[in-house]
Amino acid sequence: MERPTWAGTEIDLQRPSAARVYDVHLGGSHNFQADRDVARRITDAMPELPAILRANRNFLRRAVRHLVADGVTQFLDLGSGIPTAGTVHEVAWRADPACRVVYVDTDAVAVAHSRALVAGADRAAAVHADLRRPDDVLNAPETVRLLDFTRPVAVLMVAVLPFVPDEDDPAGLIRRYLGPAAPGSRLVVSHATQEGSEEHYAEATDHFRRCVGEFAVRTRAEVAGLFGDLTLVDPGVVYLTEWRPDPGEEDADPRRTSTFAAVGRKG
């Protein structure tokens, strides 16, 4: 397989990654045949998945707009993935050009493209790090330069916590990120669940686990528990299309998204 110019020599073209499989589902072009093969098998089992992932991106955009309107202008996007149209900084800057954004991902392709996208911008940066190592993320030069934790920060964990198994203590990781953050900081989460499409998710998630890696689905109660003592913003933990939908985005059957969404506030 010929190596694309945007793929560094450290990247194994034969090993699929979560970020690049996600990119395939969203119709992106920064992925390899190994990623496309996995994506095809997953969508064979769960044909609605690309639509679910688009609904997830729409939720992210709505949440960012809501937060900027509420005065939050700093964003730490953990597990940000490969950039697609309507990225966090694009949405945030459209509402307030003073917003600051730090993208974090463990996938080298995702980080390379995020860096290329924000090259020359002084209010956005990308960090190559594993969100399960909060000290690496919070002490990264880009994070220290751009984010002031004495003021409210939005910690975005959108479609990433399923890749954090219980043994890695996802609730504890969230506390590590929100602990140093000022009152008024927010946590934005979307999380896969089997409560909407039990018969489809089992086969799709099993294939992902075998080919890519860990993938945990959690119940509504478990997702709510991740917020700890944060105050849930109305409407609480709901399906993706139920979280403050824009006109025309209302969904007659929100359960089919098989993904919960919620925003919590500190203090």
Protein backbone atom coordinates (compact mmCIF):
# COMPACT_ATOMS: atom_id res chain seq x y z
CA MET A 1 0.00 0.00 0.00
CA GLU A 2 1.36 3.40 -0.98
CA ARG A 3 1.78 5.71 2.00
CA PRO A 4 -0.09 9.03 1.62
CA THR A 5 2.00 12.17 2.07
CA TRP A 6 -0.05 13.07 5.17
CA ALA A 7 0.69 9.76 6.93
CA GLY A 8 3.92 9.73 8.92
CA THR A 9 6.19 6.69 8.91
CA GLU A 10 5.25 5.96 12.54
CA ILE A 11 1.68 5.10 11.48
CA ASP A 12 0.89 1.43 10.81
CA LEU A 13 -1.26 1.45 7.67
CA GLN A 14 -2.46 -2.08 8.38
CA ARG A 15 -3.79 -1.35 11.87
CA PRO A 16 -7.21 0.35 12.07
CA SER A 17 -7.80 3.14 14.57
CA ALA A 18 -10.98 4.41 16.19
CA ALA A 19 -10.44 7.95 14.87
CA ARG A 20 -9.97 6.80 11.27
CA VAL A 21 -12.88 4.33 11.36
CA TYR A 22 -15.02 7.22 12.61
CA ASP A 23 -13.68 9.31 9.71
CA VAL A 24 -14.84 6.62 7.26
CA HIS A 25 -18.36 6.67 8.71
CA LEU A 26 -18.50 10.46 8.34
CA GLY A 27 -17.44 10.27 4.71
CA GLY A 28 -13.90 11.53 5.32
CA SER A 29 -10.84 10.73 3.25
CA HIS A 30 -8.09 10.50 5.87
CA ASN A 31 -8.22 6.77 6.47
CA PHE A 32 -6.68 3.57 5.15
CA GLN A 33 -8.03 0.37 3.66
CA ALA A 34 -7.81 -1.36 7.04
CA ASP A 35 -10.07 1.32 8.52
CA ARG A 36 -12.50 1.08 5.60
CA ASP A 37 -12.72 -2.71 5.94
CA VAL A 38 -13.65 -2.44 9.62
CA ALA A 39 -16.12 0.37 8.96
CA ARG A 40 -17.84 -1.68 6.25
CA ARG A 41 -18.26 -4.70 8.51
CA ILE A 42 -19.65 -2.55 11.30
CA THR A 43 -22.16 -0.82 9.04
CA ASP A 44 -23.17 -4.20 7.60
CA ALA A 45 -24.26 -5.05 11.14
CA MET A 46 -25.58 -1.58 11.98
CA PRO A 47 -26.51 0.35 8.80
CA GLU A 48 -27.78 3.35 10.78
CA LEU A 49 -24.38 4.05 12.35
CA PRO A 50 -23.23 6.82 9.93
CA ALA A 51 -26.47 8.71 10.59
CA ILE A 52 -25.94 8.28 14.34
CA LEU A 53 -22.43 9.71 14.09
CA ARG A 54 -23.71 12.69 12.11
CA ALA A 55 -26.31 13.27 14.84
CA ASN A 56 -23.46 13.13 17.34
CA ARG A 57 -21.54 15.85 15.49
CA ASN A 58 -24.69 17.96 15.36
CA PHE A 59 -25.07 17.62 19.13
CA LEU A 60 -21.47 18.77 19.58
CA ARG A 61 -22.08 21.87 17.50
CA ARG A 62 -25.26 22.71 19.41
CA ALA A 63 -23.50 22.25 22.73
CA VAL A 64 -20.62 24.52 21.70
CA ARG A 65 -23.01 27.23 20.56
CA HIS A 66 -24.94 26.93 23.83
CA LEU A 67 -21.79 27.23 25.90
CA VAL A 68 -20.46 30.26 24.05
CA ALA A 69 -23.86 31.95 24.42
CA ASP A 70 -23.58 31.21 28.15
CA GLY A 71 -20.18 32.89 28.37
CA VAL A 72 -17.81 29.90 28.13
CA THR A 73 -15.01 30.69 25.70
CA GLN A 74 -12.40 27.98 26.46
CA PHE A 75 -12.65 24.43 25.14
CA LEU A 76 -10.60 21.31 25.83
CA ASP A 77 -11.71 18.73 23.24
CA LEU A 78 -10.56 15.29 24.41
CA GLY A 79 -10.52 12.57 21.78
CA SER A 80 -11.25 15.19 19.15
CA GLY A 81 -10.68 12.87 16.19
CA ILE A 82 -9.99 13.79 12.58
CA PRO A 83 -11.43 17.24 11.77
CA THR A 84 -14.63 17.39 9.77
CA ALA A 85 -16.79 20.32 8.65
CA GLY A 86 -18.03 22.36 11.58
CA THR A 87 -15.16 21.75 13.98
CA VAL A 88 -15.24 23.11 17.53
CA HIS A 89 -13.07 26.13 16.78
CA GLU A 90 -15.07 27.00 13.65
CA VAL A 91 -18.37 26.87 15.56
CA ALA A 92 -16.96 28.70 18.58
CA TRP A 93 -15.21 31.43 16.57
CA ARG A 94 -18.35 32.05 14.57
CA ALA A 95 -20.07 32.91 17.85
CA ASP A 96 -17.09 34.63 19.52
CA PRO A 97 -13.70 35.05 17.80
CA ALA A 98 -12.00 35.27 21.22
CA CYS A 99 -12.69 31.59 21.99
CA ARG A 100 -9.71 29.32 22.64
CA VAL A 101 -9.63 25.63 21.71
CA VAL A 102 -7.22 22.79 22.47
CA TYR A 103 -7.74 19.53 20.58
CA VAL A 104 -6.38 16.31 22.08
CA ASP A 105 -6.12 12.91 20.45
CA THR A 106 -3.93 9.83 20.62
CA ASP A 107 -4.16 9.16 16.87
CA ALA A 108 -1.25 10.71 14.96
CA VAL A 109 -3.33 11.29 11.81
CA ALA A 110 -6.02 13.12 13.78
CA VAL A 111 -3.45 15.34 15.47
CA ALA A 112 -1.58 16.08 12.23
CA HIS A 113 -4.75 17.20 10.49
CA SER A 114 -5.93 19.23 13.47
CA ARG A 115 -2.57 21.01 13.54
CA ALA A 116 -2.74 21.69 9.83
CA LEU A 117 -6.24 23.08 10.19
CA VAL A 118 -5.28 25.56 12.92
CA ALA A 119 -1.81 26.40 11.62
CA GLY A 120 -1.14 30.11 12.05
CA ALA A 121 -4.02 30.57 14.49
CA ASP A 122 -3.02 31.83 17.92
CA ARG A 123 -6.20 30.69 19.70
CA ALA A 124 -6.25 26.98 18.79
CA ALA A 125 -3.80 24.09 19.00
CA ALA A 126 -3.65 20.30 18.95
CA VAL A 127 -1.95 18.01 21.48
CA HIS A 128 -0.84 14.43 20.79
CA ALA A 129 -1.70 12.70 24.05
CA ASP A 130 -3.85 10.01 25.64
CA LEU A 131 -6.76 11.47 27.61
CA ARG A 132 -6.20 8.71 30.18
CA ARG A 133 -3.04 10.60 31.19
CA PRO A 134 -4.50 13.91 32.40
CA ASP A 135 -1.17 15.31 33.57
CA ASP A 136 0.23 14.95 30.04
CA VAL A 137 -2.76 16.82 28.64
CA LEU A 138 -3.04 19.54 31.28
CA ASN A 139 0.72 20.22 31.37
CA ALA A 140 1.20 20.22 27.60
CA PRO A 141 2.65 23.57 26.45
CA GLU A 142 -0.32 24.18 24.16
CA THR A 143 -2.80 23.67 27.00
CA VAL A 144 -0.86 25.86 29.40
CA ARG A 145 -0.56 28.61 26.78
CA LEU A 146 -4.18 28.67 25.67
CA LEU A 147 -6.37 27.68 28.62
CA ASP A 148 -6.78 29.60 31.87
CA PHE A 149 -8.29 27.26 34.45
CA THR A 150 -9.06 30.15 36.80
CA ARG A 151 -11.87 30.91 34.33
CA PRO A 152 -14.58 28.48 33.13
CA VAL A 153 -13.41 25.79 30.73
CA ALA A 154 -15.58 23.38 28.74
CA VAL A 155 -14.20 19.84 28.79
CA LEU A 156 -15.58 17.99 25.76
CA MET A 157 -15.71 14.19 25.90
CA VAL A 158 -17.90 13.54 22.88
CA ALA A 159 -18.06 9.95 21.59
CA VAL A 160 -14.81 9.11 23.39
CA LEU A 161 -15.70 7.59 26.77
CA PRO A 162 -16.76 4.24 25.23
CA PHE A 163 -13.04 3.77 24.55
CA VAL A 164 -12.30 4.17 28.28
CA PRO A 165 -13.11 0.89 30.07
CA ASP A 166 -14.28 0.77 33.68
CA GLU A 167 -10.84 -0.35 34.84
CA ASP A 168 -9.44 2.98 33.65
CA ASP A 169 -11.97 4.77 35.93
CA PRO A 170 -13.67 7.19 33.52
CA ALA A 171 -15.41 9.04 36.39
CA GLY A 172 -12.04 9.52 38.08
CA LEU A 173 -10.52 10.85 34.87
CA ILE A 174 -13.36 13.36 34.58
CA ARG A 175 -12.64 14.56 38.14
CA ARG A 176 -8.98 15.02 37.22
CA TYR A 177 -9.93 17.35 34.38
CA LEU A 178 -12.71 19.24 36.16
CA GLY A 179 -10.94 19.38 39.52
CA PRO A 180 -8.60 22.29 38.64
CA ALA A 181 -11.27 24.04 36.57
CA ALA A 182 -13.03 27.16 37.84
CA PRO A 183 -16.67 27.15 38.96
CA GLY A 184 -18.90 27.54 35.93
CA SER A 185 -16.83 25.06 33.93
CA ARG A 186 -18.75 22.48 31.90
CA LEU A 187 -18.50 18.85 30.93
CA VAL A 188 -20.00 17.81 27.59
CA VAL A 189 -20.52 14.07 27.04
CA SER A 190 -22.07 11.83 24.43
CA HIS A 191 -21.97 8.11 25.02
CA ALA A 192 -23.07 4.98 23.17
CA THR A 193 -25.70 2.77 24.76
CA GLN A 194 -27.47 -0.45 23.90
CA GLU A 195 -30.77 0.90 25.22
CA GLY A 196 -31.88 2.04 21.76
CA SER A 197 -30.72 -0.67 19.33
CA GLU A 198 -29.89 -3.77 21.32
CA GLU A 199 -30.16 -6.18 18.41
CA HIS A 200 -27.74 -4.16 16.24
CA TYR A 201 -25.20 -2.97 18.77
CA ALA A 202 -24.11 -6.40 19.97
CA GLU A 203 -22.70 -7.53 16.61
CA ALA A 204 -21.29 -4.11 15.70
CA THR A 205 -19.50 -3.57 19.01
CA ASP A 206 -18.16 -7.12 19.05
CA HIS A 207 -16.58 -6.59 15.63
CA PHE A 208 -15.08 -3.25 16.73
CA ARG A 209 -13.58 -4.82 19.86
CA ARG A 210 -12.00 -7.65 17.86
CA CYS A 211 -10.56 -5.41 15.13
CA VAL A 212 -9.81 -2.07 16.81
CA GLY A 213 -9.99 -2.17 20.59
CA GLU A 214 -12.04 -1.59 23.72
CA PHE A 215 -15.57 -0.27 23.35
CA ALA A 216 -17.88 0.06 26.34
CA VAL A 217 -21.59 0.82 26.15
CA ARG A 218 -23.26 2.27 29.25
CA THR A 219 -26.78 2.78 30.53
CA ARG A 220 -28.47 6.13 31.13
CA ALA A 221 -27.85 5.74 34.88
CA GLU A 222 -24.16 4.97 34.29
CA VAL A 223 -23.75 7.99 32.01
CA ALA A 224 -25.47 10.21 34.58
CA GLY A 225 -23.12 8.82 37.23
CA LEU A 226 -20.08 10.01 35.27
CA PHE A 227 -21.10 13.60 36.07
CA GLY A 228 -20.61 13.07 39.80
CA ASP A 229 -21.50 16.24 41.71
CA LEU A 230 -21.81 18.38 38.58
CA THR A 231 -25.23 19.90 37.96
CA LEU A 232 -26.85 18.55 34.81
CA VAL A 233 -28.02 21.26 32.42
CA ASP A 234 -31.60 20.86 31.17
CA PRO A 235 -32.77 18.55 29.65
CA GLY A 236 -30.37 16.21 31.50
CA VAL A 237 -29.20 12.89 30.09
CA VAL A 238 -31.21 12.35 26.90
CA TYR A 239 -30.77 10.86 23.45
CA LEU A 240 -28.70 12.92 21.01
CA THR A 241 -31.54 14.45 19.07
CA GLU A 242 -33.39 15.36 22.28
CA TRP A 243 -30.65 17.68 23.54
CA ARG A 244 -31.86 21.16 22.56
CA PRO A 245 -32.49 20.33 18.89
CA ASP A 246 -32.46 23.13 16.35
CA PRO A 247 -35.68 23.72 14.41
CA GLY A 248 -36.05 20.91 11.90
CA GLU A 249 -33.83 18.53 13.89
CA GLU A 250 -36.63 17.13 16.02
CA ASP A 251 -36.69 13.34 15.90
CA ALA A 252 -39.83 11.22 16.10
CA ASP A 253 -37.76 8.29 17.41
CA PRO A 254 -34.71 9.60 19.31
CA ARG A 255 -33.95 6.14 20.75
CA ARG A 256 -32.64 5.07 17.36
CA THR A 257 -29.52 7.21 17.92
CA SER A 258 -28.49 4.72 20.65
CA THR A 259 -26.41 7.51 22.18
CA PHE A 260 -26.96 9.62 25.26
CA ALA A 261 -25.93 13.27 25.45
CA ALA A 262 -25.61 15.60 28.43
CA VAL A 263 -23.90 18.74 29.69
CA GLY A 264 -22.95 19.30 33.32
CA ARG A 265 -21.95 22.46 35.19
CA LYS A 266 -19.42 22.77 37.98
CA GLY A 267 -20.42 24.91 40.96
